[in-house]
Amino acid sequence: QVQLVESGGGLVQAGGSLSLSCAVSGRTIGDSAMAWFRQAPGKDREFVSTISWNSDTTFYTNSVKGRFTISRDNAENMLYLQMNNLKPEDTAVYFCAARSHAGYYIRDTAVNYVDWGQGTQVTVSS
């Protein structure tokens, strides 16, 4: 059974930092691009960041560029998102996602991801 479990969310003041982790079990991620998405209350799920299978390529939505950093550890089957200089508009549930095996390259739409976590809440107060 494939499981993706996010952790590291919480409540932080604007300007603060949080580090999200995603632990994957039941499959390997070494040949799959991974991504973070988020969903704010009353809004659709939106793309945040993606990373290729070998970490060569990363991509971010414009609103988080320069503040968020995505990384991965294939040996540990882990995905990470370092979030700095957080803003109230970053408040959302954050989800990690994995492409299918041999889905090596980055994609910024949810339909390209087959395995998803349950999400972790990030709340940024002003």
PDB file of N, CA and C in Angstrom:
ATOM      1  N   GLN A   1       0.849  -1.191   0.000  1.00  0.00           N
ATOM      2  CA  GLN A   1       0.000   0.000   0.000  1.00  0.00           C
ATOM      3  C   GLN A   1       0.887   1.245   0.000  1.00  0.00           C
ATOM      4  N   VAL A   2       0.641   2.097  -0.973  1.00  0.00           N
ATOM      5  CA  VAL A   2       1.425   3.319  -1.086  1.00  0.00           C
ATOM      6  C   VAL A   2       0.889   4.358  -0.110  1.00  0.00           C
ATOM      7  N   GLN A   3       1.808   4.962   0.624  1.00  0.00           N
ATOM      8  CA  GLN A   3       1.431   6.039   1.541  1.00  0.00           C
ATOM      9  C   GLN A   3       2.401   7.194   1.406  1.00  0.00           C
ATOM     10  N   LEU A   4       1.863   8.397   1.366  1.00  0.00           N
ATOM     11  CA  LEU A   4       2.648   9.622   1.437  1.00  0.00           C
ATOM     12  C   LEU A   4       2.143  10.367   2.669  1.00  0.00           C
ATOM     13  N   VAL A   5       3.050  10.661   3.576  1.00  0.00           N
ATOM     14  CA  VAL A   5       2.661  11.292   4.831  1.00  0.00           C
ATOM     15  C   VAL A   5       3.435  12.580   5.008  1.00  0.00           C
ATOM     16  N   GLU A   6       2.701  13.690   4.989  1.00  0.00           N
ATOM     17  CA  GLU A   6       3.312  14.997   5.184  1.00  0.00           C
ATOM     18  C   GLU A   6       3.409  15.322   6.671  1.00  0.00           C
ATOM     19  N   SER A   7       4.423  16.100   7.003  1.00  0.00           N
ATOM     20  CA  SER A   7       4.583  16.585   8.363  1.00  0.00           C
ATOM     21  C   SER A   7       5.295  17.918   8.334  1.00  0.00           C
ATOM     22  N   GLY A   8       5.267  18.615   9.468  1.00  0.00           N
ATOM     23  CA  GLY A   8       5.990  19.867   9.582  1.00  0.00           C
ATOM     24  C   GLY A   8       5.135  21.119   9.501  1.00  0.00           C
ATOM     25  N   GLY A   9       3.848  20.944   9.240  1.00  0.00           N
ATOM     26  CA  GLY A   9       2.982  22.109   9.203  1.00  0.00           C
ATOM     27  C   GLY A   9       2.762  22.691  10.592  1.00  0.00           C
ATOM     28  N   GLY A  10       2.103  23.836  10.636  1.00  0.00           N
ATOM     29  CA  GLY A  10       1.824  24.467  11.917  1.00  0.00           C
ATOM     30  C   GLY A  10       1.435  25.905  11.756  1.00  0.00           C
ATOM     31  N   LEU A  11       1.452  26.618  12.881  1.00  0.00           N
ATOM     32  CA  LEU A  11       1.100  28.030  12.926  1.00  0.00           C
ATOM     33  C   LEU A  11       2.372  28.844  13.080  1.00  0.00           C
ATOM     34  N   VAL A  12       2.527  29.831  12.231  1.00  0.00           N
ATOM     35  CA  VAL A  12       3.727  30.669  12.264  1.00  0.00           C
ATOM     36  C   VAL A  12       3.331  32.100  11.950  1.00  0.00           C
ATOM     37  N   GLN A  13       4.083  33.045  12.458  1.00  0.00           N
ATOM     38  CA  GLN A  13       3.834  34.450  12.138  1.00  0.00           C
ATOM     39  C   GLN A  13       4.397  34.791  10.765  1.00  0.00           C
ATOM     40  N   ALA A  14       3.832  35.797  10.169  1.00  0.00           N
ATOM     41  CA  ALA A  14       4.332  36.278   8.885  1.00  0.00           C
ATOM     42  C   ALA A  14       5.823  36.596   9.004  1.00  0.00           C
ATOM     43  N   GLY A  15       6.573  36.193   8.001  1.00  0.00           N
ATOM     44  CA  GLY A  15       8.016  36.349   8.015  1.00  0.00           C
ATOM     45  C   GLY A  15       8.763  35.158   8.575  1.00  0.00           C
ATOM     46  N   GLY A  16       8.041  34.245   9.171  1.00  0.00           N
ATOM     47  CA  GLY A  16       8.657  33.064   9.748  1.00  0.00           C
ATOM     48  C   GLY A  16       8.912  31.967   8.731  1.00  0.00           C
ATOM     49  N   SER A  17       9.382  30.835   9.230  1.00  0.00           N
ATOM     50  CA  SER A  17       9.743  29.714   8.363  1.00  0.00           C
ATOM     51  C   SER A  17       9.126  28.410   8.873  1.00  0.00           C
ATOM     52  N   LEU A  18       8.896  27.513   7.944  1.00  0.00           N
ATOM     53  CA  LEU A  18       8.492  26.149   8.257  1.00  0.00           C
ATOM     54  C   LEU A  18       9.178  25.210   7.280  1.00  0.00           C
ATOM     55  N   SER A  19       9.411  23.992   7.723  1.00  0.00           N
ATOM     56  CA  SER A  19      10.005  22.981   6.868  1.00  0.00           C
ATOM     57  C   SER A  19       9.080  21.782   6.801  1.00  0.00           C
ATOM     58  N   LEU A  20       8.559  21.516   5.628  1.00  0.00           N
ATOM     59  CA  LEU A  20       7.663  20.385   5.423  1.00  0.00           C
ATOM     60  C   LEU A  20       8.442  19.163   4.951  1.00  0.00           C
ATOM     61  N   SER A  21       7.980  17.999   5.376  1.00  0.00           N
ATOM     62  CA  SER A  21       8.550  16.735   4.929  1.00  0.00           C
ATOM     63  C   SER A  21       7.439  15.836   4.413  1.00  0.00           C
ATOM     64  N   CYS A  22       7.799  14.953   3.513  1.00  0.00           N
ATOM     65  CA  CYS A  22       6.853  13.971   2.981  1.00  0.00           C
ATOM     66  C   CYS A  22       7.563  12.625   2.954  1.00  0.00           C
ATOM     67  N   ALA A  23       7.097  11.710   3.768  1.00  0.00           N
ATOM     68  CA  ALA A  23       7.666  10.370   3.835  1.00  0.00           C
ATOM     69  C   ALA A  23       6.834   9.432   2.975  1.00  0.00           C
ATOM     70  N   VAL A  24       7.509   8.731   2.066  1.00  0.00           N
ATOM     71  CA  VAL A  24       6.824   7.846   1.141  1.00  0.00           C
ATOM     72  C   VAL A  24       7.126   6.398   1.495  1.00  0.00           C
ATOM     73  N   SER A  25       6.097   5.590   1.563  1.00  0.00           N
ATOM     74  CA  SER A  25       6.268   4.156   1.792  1.00  0.00           C
ATOM     75  C   SER A  25       5.412   3.382   0.809  1.00  0.00           C
ATOM     76  N   GLY A  26       5.774   2.116   0.575  1.00  0.00           N
ATOM     77  CA  GLY A  26       5.006   1.266  -0.326  1.00  0.00           C
ATOM     78  C   GLY A  26       5.407   1.384  -1.780  1.00  0.00           C
ATOM     79  N   ARG A  27       6.310   2.262  -2.082  1.00  0.00           N
ATOM     80  CA  ARG A  27       6.856   2.426  -3.421  1.00  0.00           C
ATOM     81  C   ARG A  27       8.166   3.194  -3.300  1.00  0.00           C
ATOM     82  N   THR A  28       8.946   3.125  -4.362  1.00  0.00           N
ATOM     83  CA  THR A  28      10.133   3.957  -4.418  1.00  0.00           C
ATOM     84  C   THR A  28       9.837   5.183  -5.267  1.00  0.00           C
ATOM     85  N   ILE A  29      10.578   6.246  -5.024  1.00  0.00           N
ATOM     86  CA  ILE A  29      10.334   7.490  -5.759  1.00  0.00           C
ATOM     87  C   ILE A  29      11.502   7.854  -6.662  1.00  0.00           C
ATOM     88  N   GLY A  30      12.514   7.000  -6.703  1.00  0.00           N
ATOM     89  CA  GLY A  30      13.749   7.352  -7.404  1.00  0.00           C
ATOM     90  C   GLY A  30      13.594   7.600  -8.892  1.00  0.00           C
ATOM     91  N   ASP A  31      12.514   7.128  -9.503  1.00  0.00           N
ATOM     92  CA  ASP A  31      12.330   7.350 -10.937  1.00  0.00           C
ATOM     93  C   ASP A  31      11.103   8.207 -11.212  1.00  0.00           C
ATOM     94  N   SER A  32      10.740   9.036 -10.249  1.00  0.00           N
ATOM     95  CA  SER A  32       9.529   9.832 -10.378  1.00  0.00           C
ATOM     96  C   SER A  32       9.756  11.280  -9.963  1.00  0.00           C
ATOM     97  N   ALA A  33       9.233  12.195 -10.751  1.00  0.00           N
ATOM     98  CA  ALA A  33       9.165  13.572 -10.293  1.00  0.00           C
ATOM     99  C   ALA A  33       8.183  13.663  -9.134  1.00  0.00           C
ATOM    100  N   MET A  34       8.427  14.640  -8.275  1.00  0.00           N
ATOM    101  CA  MET A  34       7.588  14.851  -7.105  1.00  0.00           C
ATOM    102  C   MET A  34       7.151  16.316  -7.076  1.00  0.00           C
ATOM    103  N   ALA A  35       6.132  16.591  -6.283  1.00  0.00           N
ATOM    104  CA  ALA A  35       5.640  17.966  -6.246  1.00  0.00           C
ATOM    105  C   ALA A  35       4.945  18.265  -4.935  1.00  0.00           C
ATOM    106  N   TRP A  36       4.797  19.551  -4.690  1.00  0.00           N
ATOM    107  CA  TRP A  36       3.958  20.056  -3.615  1.00  0.00           C
ATOM    108  C   TRP A  36       2.825  20.872  -4.241  1.00  0.00           C
ATOM    109  N   PHE A  37       1.627  20.654  -3.729  1.00  0.00           N
ATOM    110  CA  PHE A  37       0.465  21.440  -4.061  1.00  0.00           C
ATOM    111  C   PHE A  37      -0.112  21.988  -2.759  1.00  0.00           C
ATOM    112  N   ARG A  38      -1.008  22.956  -2.877  1.00  0.00           N
ATOM    113  CA  ARG A  38      -1.673  23.463  -1.676  1.00  0.00           C
ATOM    114  C   ARG A  38      -3.111  23.837  -2.002  1.00  0.00           C
ATOM    115  N   GLN A  39      -3.919  23.854  -0.958  1.00  0.00           N
ATOM    116  CA  GLN A  39      -5.321  24.219  -1.124  1.00  0.00           C
ATOM    117  C   GLN A  39      -5.752  25.087   0.048  1.00  0.00           C
ATOM    118  N   ALA A  40      -6.110  26.308  -0.271  1.00  0.00           N
ATOM    119  CA  ALA A  40      -6.616  27.247   0.732  1.00  0.00           C
ATOM    120  C   ALA A  40      -8.125  27.073   0.861  1.00  0.00           C
ATOM    121  N   PRO A  41      -8.680  27.483   2.000  1.00  0.00           N
ATOM    122  CA  PRO A  41     -10.127  27.339   2.190  1.00  0.00           C
ATOM    123  C   PRO A  41     -10.912  28.025   1.080  1.00  0.00           C
ATOM    124  N   GLY A  42     -11.845  27.295   0.500  1.00  0.00           N
ATOM    125  CA  GLY A  42     -12.700  27.864  -0.527  1.00  0.00           C
ATOM    126  C   GLY A  42     -12.048  28.017  -1.886  1.00  0.00           C
ATOM    127  N   LYS A  43     -10.831  27.504  -2.023  1.00  0.00           N
ATOM    128  CA  LYS A  43     -10.122  27.641  -3.296  1.00  0.00           C
ATOM    129  C   LYS A  43      -9.763  26.270  -3.848  1.00  0.00           C
ATOM    130  N   ASP A  44      -9.445  26.259  -5.137  1.00  0.00           N
ATOM    131  CA  ASP A  44      -8.996  25.028  -5.773  1.00  0.00           C
ATOM    132  C   ASP A  44      -7.571  24.692  -5.343  1.00  0.00           C
ATOM    133  N   ARG A  45      -7.233  23.414  -5.462  1.00  0.00           N
ATOM    134  CA  ARG A  45      -5.851  23.005  -5.211  1.00  0.00           C
ATOM    135  C   ARG A  45      -4.947  23.655  -6.252  1.00  0.00           C
ATOM    136  N   GLU A  46      -3.807  24.177  -5.810  1.00  0.00           N
ATOM    137  CA  GLU A  46      -2.896  24.843  -6.732  1.00  0.00           C
ATOM    138  C   GLU A  46      -1.487  24.287  -6.610  1.00  0.00           C
ATOM    139  N   PHE A  47      -0.789  24.345  -7.703  1.00  0.00           N
ATOM    140  CA  PHE A  47       0.598  23.905  -7.772  1.00  0.00           C
ATOM    141  C   PHE A  47       1.508  24.841  -6.988  1.00  0.00           C
ATOM    142  N   VAL A  48       2.478  24.287  -6.284  1.00  0.00           N
ATOM    143  CA  VAL A  48       3.468  25.082  -5.559  1.00  0.00           C
ATOM    144  C   VAL A  48       4.862  24.893  -6.151  1.00  0.00           C
ATOM    145  N   SER A  49       5.312  23.630  -6.240  1.00  0.00           N
ATOM    146  CA  SER A  49       6.671  23.378  -6.682  1.00  0.00           C
ATOM    147  C   SER A  49       6.811  21.934  -7.118  1.00  0.00           C
ATOM    148  N   THR A  50       7.778  21.676  -8.009  1.00  0.00           N
ATOM    149  CA  THR A  50       8.045  20.330  -8.464  1.00  0.00           C
ATOM    150  C   THR A  50       9.542  20.122  -8.645  1.00  0.00           C
ATOM    151  N   ILE A  51       9.960  18.858  -8.566  1.00  0.00           N
ATOM    152  CA  ILE A  51      11.375  18.517  -8.687  1.00  0.00           C
ATOM    153  C   ILE A  51      11.495  17.236  -9.499  1.00  0.00           C
ATOM    154  N   SER A  52      12.472  17.202 -10.389  1.00  0.00           N
ATOM    155  CA  SER A  52      12.661  16.028 -11.232  1.00  0.00           C
ATOM    156  C   SER A  52      13.225  14.869 -10.436  1.00  0.00           C
ATOM    157  N   TRP A  53      13.265  13.711 -11.060  1.00  0.00           N
ATOM    158  CA  TRP A  53      13.660  12.479 -10.383  1.00  0.00           C
ATOM    159  C   TRP A  53      15.054  12.551  -9.774  1.00  0.00           C
ATOM    160  N   ASN A  54      15.964  13.285 -10.431  1.00  0.00           N
ATOM    161  CA  ASN A  54      17.355  13.346  -9.971  1.00  0.00           C
ATOM    162  C   ASN A  54      17.714  14.707  -9.388  1.00  0.00           C
ATOM    163  N   SER A  55      16.714  15.527  -9.115  1.00  0.00           N
ATOM    164  CA  SER A  55      16.898  16.867  -8.526  1.00  0.00           C
ATOM    165  C   SER A  55      17.552  17.866  -9.482  1.00  0.00           C
ATOM    166  N   ASP A  56      17.739  17.489 -10.740  1.00  0.00           N
ATOM    167  CA  ASP A  56      18.374  18.410 -11.693  1.00  0.00           C
ATOM    168  C   ASP A  56      17.509  19.615 -11.991  1.00  0.00           C
ATOM    169  N   THR A  57      16.217  19.425 -11.973  1.00  0.00           N
ATOM    170  CA  THR A  57      15.294  20.482 -12.382  1.00  0.00           C
ATOM    171  C   THR A  57      14.256  20.727 -11.304  1.00  0.00           C
ATOM    172  N   THR A  58      14.057  21.993 -10.999  1.00  0.00           N
ATOM    173  CA  THR A  58      12.986  22.387 -10.088  1.00  0.00           C
ATOM    174  C   THR A  58      12.190  23.520 -10.725  1.00  0.00           C
ATOM    175  N   PHE A  59      10.980  23.685 -10.262  1.00  0.00           N
ATOM    176  CA  PHE A  59      10.104  24.735 -10.791  1.00  0.00           C
ATOM    177  C   PHE A  59       9.162  25.161  -9.684  1.00  0.00           C
ATOM    178  N   TYR A  60       8.892  26.478  -9.647  1.00  0.00           N
ATOM    179  CA  TYR A  60       8.056  27.030  -8.599  1.00  0.00           C
ATOM    180  C   TYR A  60       6.975  27.926  -9.197  1.00  0.00           C
ATOM    181  N   THR A  61       5.848  27.972  -8.541  1.00  0.00           N
ATOM    182  CA  THR A  61       4.877  28.965  -8.920  1.00  0.00           C
ATOM    183  C   THR A  61       5.429  30.343  -8.547  1.00  0.00           C
ATOM    184  N   ASN A  62       5.044  31.357  -9.301  1.00  0.00           N
ATOM    185  CA  ASN A  62       5.666  32.675  -9.148  1.00  0.00           C
ATOM    186  C   ASN A  62       5.567  33.215  -7.728  1.00  0.00           C
ATOM    187  N   SER A  63       4.472  32.952  -7.057  1.00  0.00           N
ATOM    188  CA  SER A  63       4.253  33.569  -5.754  1.00  0.00           C
ATOM    189  C   SER A  63       5.199  33.063  -4.662  1.00  0.00           C
ATOM    190  N   VAL A  64       5.871  31.937  -4.900  1.00  0.00           N
ATOM    191  CA  VAL A  64       6.769  31.398  -3.874  1.00  0.00           C
ATOM    192  C   VAL A  64       8.236  31.429  -4.299  1.00  0.00           C
ATOM    193  N   LYS A  65       8.526  31.857  -5.502  1.00  0.00           N
ATOM    194  CA  LYS A  65       9.912  31.894  -5.977  1.00  0.00           C
ATOM    195  C   LYS A  65      10.756  32.774  -5.082  1.00  0.00           C
ATOM    196  N   GLY A  66      11.928  32.265  -4.736  1.00  0.00           N
ATOM    197  CA  GLY A  66      12.828  33.006  -3.872  1.00  0.00           C
ATOM    198  C   GLY A  66      12.539  32.838  -2.394  1.00  0.00           C
ATOM    199  N   ARG A  67      11.409  32.213  -2.063  1.00  0.00           N
ATOM    200  CA  ARG A  67      11.060  31.996  -0.651  1.00  0.00           C
ATOM    201  C   ARG A  67      11.008  30.514  -0.293  1.00  0.00           C
ATOM    202  N   PHE A  68      10.591  29.674  -1.226  1.00  0.00           N
ATOM    203  CA  PHE A  68      10.459  28.239  -0.980  1.00  0.00           C
ATOM    204  C   PHE A  68      11.559  27.483  -1.725  1.00  0.00           C
ATOM    205  N   THR A  69      11.995  26.368  -1.131  1.00  0.00           N
ATOM    206  CA  THR A  69      12.975  25.500  -1.775  1.00  0.00           C
ATOM    207  C   THR A  69      12.520  24.048  -1.654  1.00  0.00           C
ATOM    208  N   ILE A  70      12.404  23.386  -2.794  1.00  0.00           N
ATOM    209  CA  ILE A  70      12.035  21.970  -2.808  1.00  0.00           C
ATOM    210  C   ILE A  70      13.301  21.128  -2.903  1.00  0.00           C
ATOM    211  N   SER A  71      13.295  19.980  -2.238  1.00  0.00           N
ATOM    212  CA  SER A  71      14.423  19.060  -2.317  1.00  0.00           C
ATOM    213  C   SER A  71      13.918  17.642  -2.053  1.00  0.00           C
ATOM    214  N   ARG A  72      14.792  16.692  -2.313  1.00  0.00           N
ATOM    215  CA  ARG A  72      14.393  15.293  -2.133  1.00  0.00           C
ATOM    216  C   ARG A  72      15.590  14.457  -1.733  1.00  0.00           C
ATOM    217  N   ASP A  73      15.318  13.310  -1.147  1.00  0.00           N
ATOM    218  CA  ASP A  73      16.336  12.329  -0.801  1.00  0.00           C
ATOM    219  C   ASP A  73      15.808  10.975  -1.260  1.00  0.00           C
ATOM    220  N   ASN A  74      16.252  10.541  -2.405  1.00  0.00           N
ATOM    221  CA  ASN A  74      15.724   9.293  -2.967  1.00  0.00           C
ATOM    222  C   ASN A  74      16.105   8.087  -2.115  1.00  0.00           C
ATOM    223  N   ALA A  75      17.267   8.125  -1.518  1.00  0.00           N
ATOM    224  CA  ALA A  75      17.700   6.998  -0.683  1.00  0.00           C
ATOM    225  C   ALA A  75      16.774   6.816   0.515  1.00  0.00           C
ATOM    226  N   GLU A  76      16.259   7.931   1.004  1.00  0.00           N
ATOM    227  CA  GLU A  76      15.362   7.893   2.165  1.00  0.00           C
ATOM    228  C   GLU A  76      13.888   7.942   1.771  1.00  0.00           C
ATOM    229  N   ASN A  77      13.623   8.038   0.486  1.00  0.00           N
ATOM    230  CA  ASN A  77      12.234   8.122   0.003  1.00  0.00           C
ATOM    231  C   ASN A  77      11.500   9.316   0.612  1.00  0.00           C
ATOM    232  N   MET A  78      12.169  10.470   0.593  1.00  0.00           N
ATOM    233  CA  MET A  78      11.637  11.664   1.232  1.00  0.00           C
ATOM    234  C   MET A  78      11.601  12.834   0.269  1.00  0.00           C
ATOM    235  N   LEU A  79      10.621  13.709   0.480  1.00  0.00           N
ATOM    236  CA  LEU A  79      10.489  14.969  -0.231  1.00  0.00           C
ATOM    237  C   LEU A  79      10.389  16.072   0.815  1.00  0.00           C
ATOM    238  N   TYR A  80      10.961  17.245   0.488  1.00  0.00           N
ATOM    239  CA  TYR A  80      10.978  18.336   1.444  1.00  0.00           C
ATOM    240  C   TYR A  80      10.539  19.644   0.788  1.00  0.00           C
ATOM    241  N   LEU A  81      10.071  20.563   1.629  1.00  0.00           N
ATOM    242  CA  LEU A  81       9.788  21.922   1.178  1.00  0.00           C
ATOM    243  C   LEU A  81      10.171  22.873   2.299  1.00  0.00           C
ATOM    244  N   GLN A  82      11.220  23.646   2.057  1.00  0.00           N
ATOM    245  CA  GLN A  82      11.625  24.681   3.011  1.00  0.00           C
ATOM    246  C   GLN A  82      10.919  25.965   2.638  1.00  0.00           C
ATOM    247  N   MET A  83      10.190  26.522   3.590  1.00  0.00           N
ATOM    248  CA  MET A  83       9.390  27.721   3.326  1.00  0.00           C
ATOM    249  C   MET A  83       9.880  28.845   4.231  1.00  0.00           C
ATOM    250  N   ASN A  84      10.394  29.887   3.623  1.00  0.00           N
ATOM    251  CA  ASN A  84      10.902  31.041   4.354  1.00  0.00           C
ATOM    252  C   ASN A  84      10.067  32.275   4.033  1.00  0.00           C
ATOM    253  N   ASN A  85      10.192  33.275   4.890  1.00  0.00           N
ATOM    254  CA  ASN A  85       9.475  34.531   4.690  1.00  0.00           C
ATOM    255  C   ASN A  85       7.994  34.279   4.364  1.00  0.00           C
ATOM    256  N   LEU A  86       7.367  33.492   5.200  1.00  0.00           N
ATOM    257  CA  LEU A  86       5.981  33.110   4.942  1.00  0.00           C
ATOM    258  C   LEU A  86       5.043  34.298   5.032  1.00  0.00           C
ATOM    259  N   LYS A  87       3.993  34.248   4.223  1.00  0.00           N
ATOM    260  CA  LYS A  87       2.997  35.313   4.157  1.00  0.00           C
ATOM    261  C   LYS A  87       1.620  34.733   4.495  1.00  0.00           C
ATOM    262  N   PRO A  88       0.710  35.559   4.951  1.00  0.00           N
ATOM    263  CA  PRO A  88      -0.642  35.047   5.256  1.00  0.00           C
ATOM    264  C   PRO A  88      -1.290  34.335   4.063  1.00  0.00           C
ATOM    265  N   GLU A  89      -0.972  34.763   2.864  1.00  0.00           N
ATOM    266  CA  GLU A  89      -1.562  34.127   1.688  1.00  0.00           C
ATOM    267  C   GLU A  89      -0.982  32.740   1.414  1.00  0.00           C
ATOM    268  N   ASP A  90       0.030  32.333   2.160  1.00  0.00           N
ATOM    269  CA  ASP A  90       0.546  30.966   2.056  1.00  0.00           C
ATOM    270  C   ASP A  90      -0.272  29.981   2.893  1.00  0.00           C
ATOM    271  N   THR A  91      -1.199  30.492   3.665  1.00  0.00           N
ATOM    272  CA  THR A  91      -2.037  29.636   4.499  1.00  0.00           C
ATOM    273  C   THR A  91      -2.834  28.671   3.634  1.00  0.00           C
ATOM    274  N   ALA A  92      -2.677  27.382   3.911  1.00  0.00           N
ATOM    275  CA  ALA A  92      -3.333  26.348   3.110  1.00  0.00           C
ATOM    276  C   ALA A  92      -2.990  24.983   3.689  1.00  0.00           C
ATOM    277  N   VAL A  93      -3.660  23.973   3.177  1.00  0.00           N
ATOM    278  CA  VAL A  93      -3.227  22.595   3.403  1.00  0.00           C
ATOM    279  C   VAL A  93      -2.257  22.246   2.284  1.00  0.00           C
ATOM    280  N   TYR A  94      -1.101  21.742   2.672  1.00  0.00           N
ATOM    281  CA  TYR A  94      -0.054  21.419   1.706  1.00  0.00           C
ATOM    282  C   TYR A  94      -0.005  19.907   1.491  1.00  0.00           C
ATOM    283  N   PHE A  95       0.018  19.502   0.223  1.00  0.00           N
ATOM    284  CA  PHE A  95       0.013  18.101  -0.168  1.00  0.00           C
ATOM    285  C   PHE A  95       1.276  17.769  -0.948  1.00  0.00           C
ATOM    286  N   CYS A  96       1.853  16.610  -0.684  1.00  0.00           N
ATOM    287  CA  CYS A  96       2.918  16.122  -1.554  1.00  0.00           C
ATOM    288  C   CYS A  96       2.324  15.107  -2.536  1.00  0.00           C
ATOM    289  N   ALA A  97       2.980  14.982  -3.675  1.00  0.00           N
ATOM    290  CA  ALA A  97       2.460  14.118  -4.721  1.00  0.00           C
ATOM    291  C   ALA A  97       3.610  13.520  -5.516  1.00  0.00           C
ATOM    292  N   ALA A  98       3.385  12.323  -6.042  1.00  0.00           N
ATOM    293  CA  ALA A  98       4.394  11.617  -6.818  1.00  0.00           C
ATOM    294  C   ALA A  98       3.836  11.215  -8.174  1.00  0.00           C
ATOM    295  N   ARG A  99       4.667  11.346  -9.203  1.00  0.00           N
ATOM    296  CA  ARG A  99       4.276  10.834 -10.512  1.00  0.00           C
ATOM    297  C   ARG A  99       4.430   9.315 -10.519  1.00  0.00           C
ATOM    298  N   SER A 100       3.937   8.692 -11.541  1.00  0.00           N
ATOM    299  CA  SER A 100       4.078   7.251 -11.670  1.00  0.00           C
ATOM    300  C   SER A 100       5.541   6.891 -11.939  1.00  0.00           C
ATOM    301  N   HIS A 101       5.856   5.598 -11.810  1.00  0.00           N
ATOM    302  CA  HIS A 101       7.212   5.141 -12.121  1.00  0.00           C
ATOM    303  C   HIS A 101       7.574   5.505 -13.567  1.00  0.00           C
ATOM    304  N   ALA A 102       8.803   5.956 -13.755  1.00  0.00           N
ATOM    305  CA  ALA A 102       9.325   6.430 -15.044  1.00  0.00           C
ATOM    306  C   ALA A 102       8.712   7.771 -15.460  1.00  0.00           C
ATOM    307  N   GLY A 103       8.019   8.404 -14.528  1.00  0.00           N
ATOM    308  CA  GLY A 103       7.567   9.781 -14.766  1.00  0.00           C
ATOM    309  C   GLY A 103       8.648  10.727 -14.276  1.00  0.00           C
ATOM    310  N   TYR A 104       9.733  10.792 -15.009  1.00  0.00           N
ATOM    311  CA  TYR A 104      10.953  11.420 -14.514  1.00  0.00           C
ATOM    312  C   TYR A 104      10.868  12.937 -14.398  1.00  0.00           C
ATOM    313  N   TYR A 105      10.103  13.542 -15.279  1.00  0.00           N
ATOM    314  CA  TYR A 105      10.245  14.978 -15.465  1.00  0.00           C
ATOM    315  C   TYR A 105       9.125  15.770 -14.824  1.00  0.00           C
ATOM    316  N   ILE A 106       9.431  17.031 -14.568  1.00  0.00           N
ATOM    317  CA  ILE A 106       8.524  17.863 -13.811  1.00  0.00           C
ATOM    318  C   ILE A 106       7.247  18.173 -14.587  1.00  0.00           C
ATOM    319  N   ARG A 107       6.174  18.291 -13.829  1.00  0.00           N
ATOM    320  CA  ARG A 107       4.898  18.719 -14.360  1.00  0.00           C
ATOM    321  C   ARG A 107       4.243  19.606 -13.300  1.00  0.00           C
ATOM    322  N   ASP A 108       3.454  20.581 -13.741  1.00  0.00           N
ATOM    323  CA  ASP A 108       2.858  21.503 -12.777  1.00  0.00           C
ATOM    324  C   ASP A 108       1.337  21.391 -12.700  1.00  0.00           C
ATOM    325  N   THR A 109       0.802  20.280 -13.152  1.00  0.00           N
ATOM    326  CA  THR A 109      -0.642  20.066 -13.042  1.00  0.00           C
ATOM    327  C   THR A 109      -0.927  18.767 -12.301  1.00  0.00           C
ATOM    328  N   ALA A 110      -1.962  18.791 -11.489  1.00  0.00           N
ATOM    329  CA  ALA A 110      -2.268  17.686 -10.592  1.00  0.00           C
ATOM    330  C   ALA A 110      -2.565  16.385 -11.327  1.00  0.00           C
ATOM    331  N   VAL A 111      -3.100  16.472 -12.505  1.00  0.00           N
ATOM    332  CA  VAL A 111      -3.483  15.268 -13.235  1.00  0.00           C
ATOM    333  C   VAL A 111      -2.285  14.367 -13.536  1.00  0.00           C
ATOM    334  N   ASN A 112      -1.089  14.915 -13.503  1.00  0.00           N
ATOM    335  CA  ASN A 112       0.114  14.153 -13.796  1.00  0.00           C
ATOM    336  C   ASN A 112       0.647  13.368 -12.604  1.00  0.00           C
ATOM    337  N   TYR A 113       0.026  13.501 -11.459  1.00  0.00           N
ATOM    338  CA  TYR A 113       0.502  12.862 -10.235  1.00  0.00           C
ATOM    339  C   TYR A 113      -0.479  11.788  -9.792  1.00  0.00           C
ATOM    340  N   VAL A 114       0.051  10.625  -9.448  1.00  0.00           N
ATOM    341  CA  VAL A 114      -0.813   9.474  -9.176  1.00  0.00           C
ATOM    342  C   VAL A 114      -0.946   9.142  -7.702  1.00  0.00           C
ATOM    343  N   ASP A 115       0.031   9.534  -6.917  1.00  0.00           N
ATOM    344  CA  ASP A 115      -0.004   9.227  -5.486  1.00  0.00           C
ATOM    345  C   ASP A 115       0.031  10.535  -4.699  1.00  0.00           C
ATOM    346  N   TRP A 116      -0.819  10.623  -3.682  1.00  0.00           N
ATOM    347  CA  TRP A 116      -0.988  11.862  -2.931  1.00  0.00           C
ATOM    348  C   TRP A 116      -1.014  11.587  -1.429  1.00  0.00           C
ATOM    349  N   GLY A 117      -0.509  12.561  -0.684  1.00  0.00           N
ATOM    350  CA  GLY A 117      -0.650  12.507   0.757  1.00  0.00           C
ATOM    351  C   GLY A 117      -1.965  13.118   1.206  1.00  0.00           C
ATOM    352  N   GLN A 118      -2.186  13.080   2.512  1.00  0.00           N
ATOM    353  CA  GLN A 118      -3.426  13.614   3.090  1.00  0.00           C
ATOM    354  C   GLN A 118      -3.322  15.104   3.412  1.00  0.00           C
ATOM    355  N   GLY A 119      -2.111  15.623   3.420  1.00  0.00           N
ATOM    356  CA  GLY A 119      -1.934  17.052   3.632  1.00  0.00           C
ATOM    357  C   GLY A 119      -1.548  17.422   5.047  1.00  0.00           C
ATOM    358  N   THR A 120      -0.893  18.572   5.149  1.00  0.00           N
ATOM    359  CA  THR A 120      -0.539  19.152   6.439  1.00  0.00           C
ATOM    360  C   THR A 120      -0.907  20.630   6.422  1.00  0.00           C
ATOM    361  N   GLN A 121      -1.494  21.097   7.503  1.00  0.00           N
ATOM    362  CA  GLN A 121      -1.993  22.468   7.562  1.00  0.00           C
ATOM    363  C   GLN A 121      -0.857  23.441   7.862  1.00  0.00           C
ATOM    364  N   VAL A 122      -0.791  24.488   7.066  1.00  0.00           N
ATOM    365  CA  VAL A 122       0.129  25.601   7.305  1.00  0.00           C
ATOM    366  C   VAL A 122      -0.724  26.856   7.491  1.00  0.00           C
ATOM    367  N   THR A 123      -0.548  27.512   8.615  1.00  0.00           N
ATOM    368  CA  THR A 123      -1.289  28.730   8.906  1.00  0.00           C
ATOM    369  C   THR A 123      -0.304  29.838   9.227  1.00  0.00           C
ATOM    370  N   VAL A 124      -0.410  30.936   8.492  1.00  0.00           N
ATOM    371  CA  VAL A 124       0.484  32.071   8.681  1.00  0.00           C
ATOM    372  C   VAL A 124      -0.345  33.253   9.165  1.00  0.00           C
ATOM    373  N   SER A 125      -0.025  33.724  10.352  1.00  0.00           N
ATOM    374  CA  SER A 125      -0.770  34.848  10.936  1.00  0.00           C
ATOM    375  C   SER A 125      -0.081  36.164  10.589  1.00  0.00           C
ATOM    376  N   SER A 126      -0.898  37.192  10.466  1.00  0.00           N
ATOM    377  CA  SER A 126      -0.348  38.514  10.106  1.00  0.00           C
ATOM    378  C   SER A 126       0.025  39.326  11.342  1.00  0.00           C
TER     379      SER A 126
END
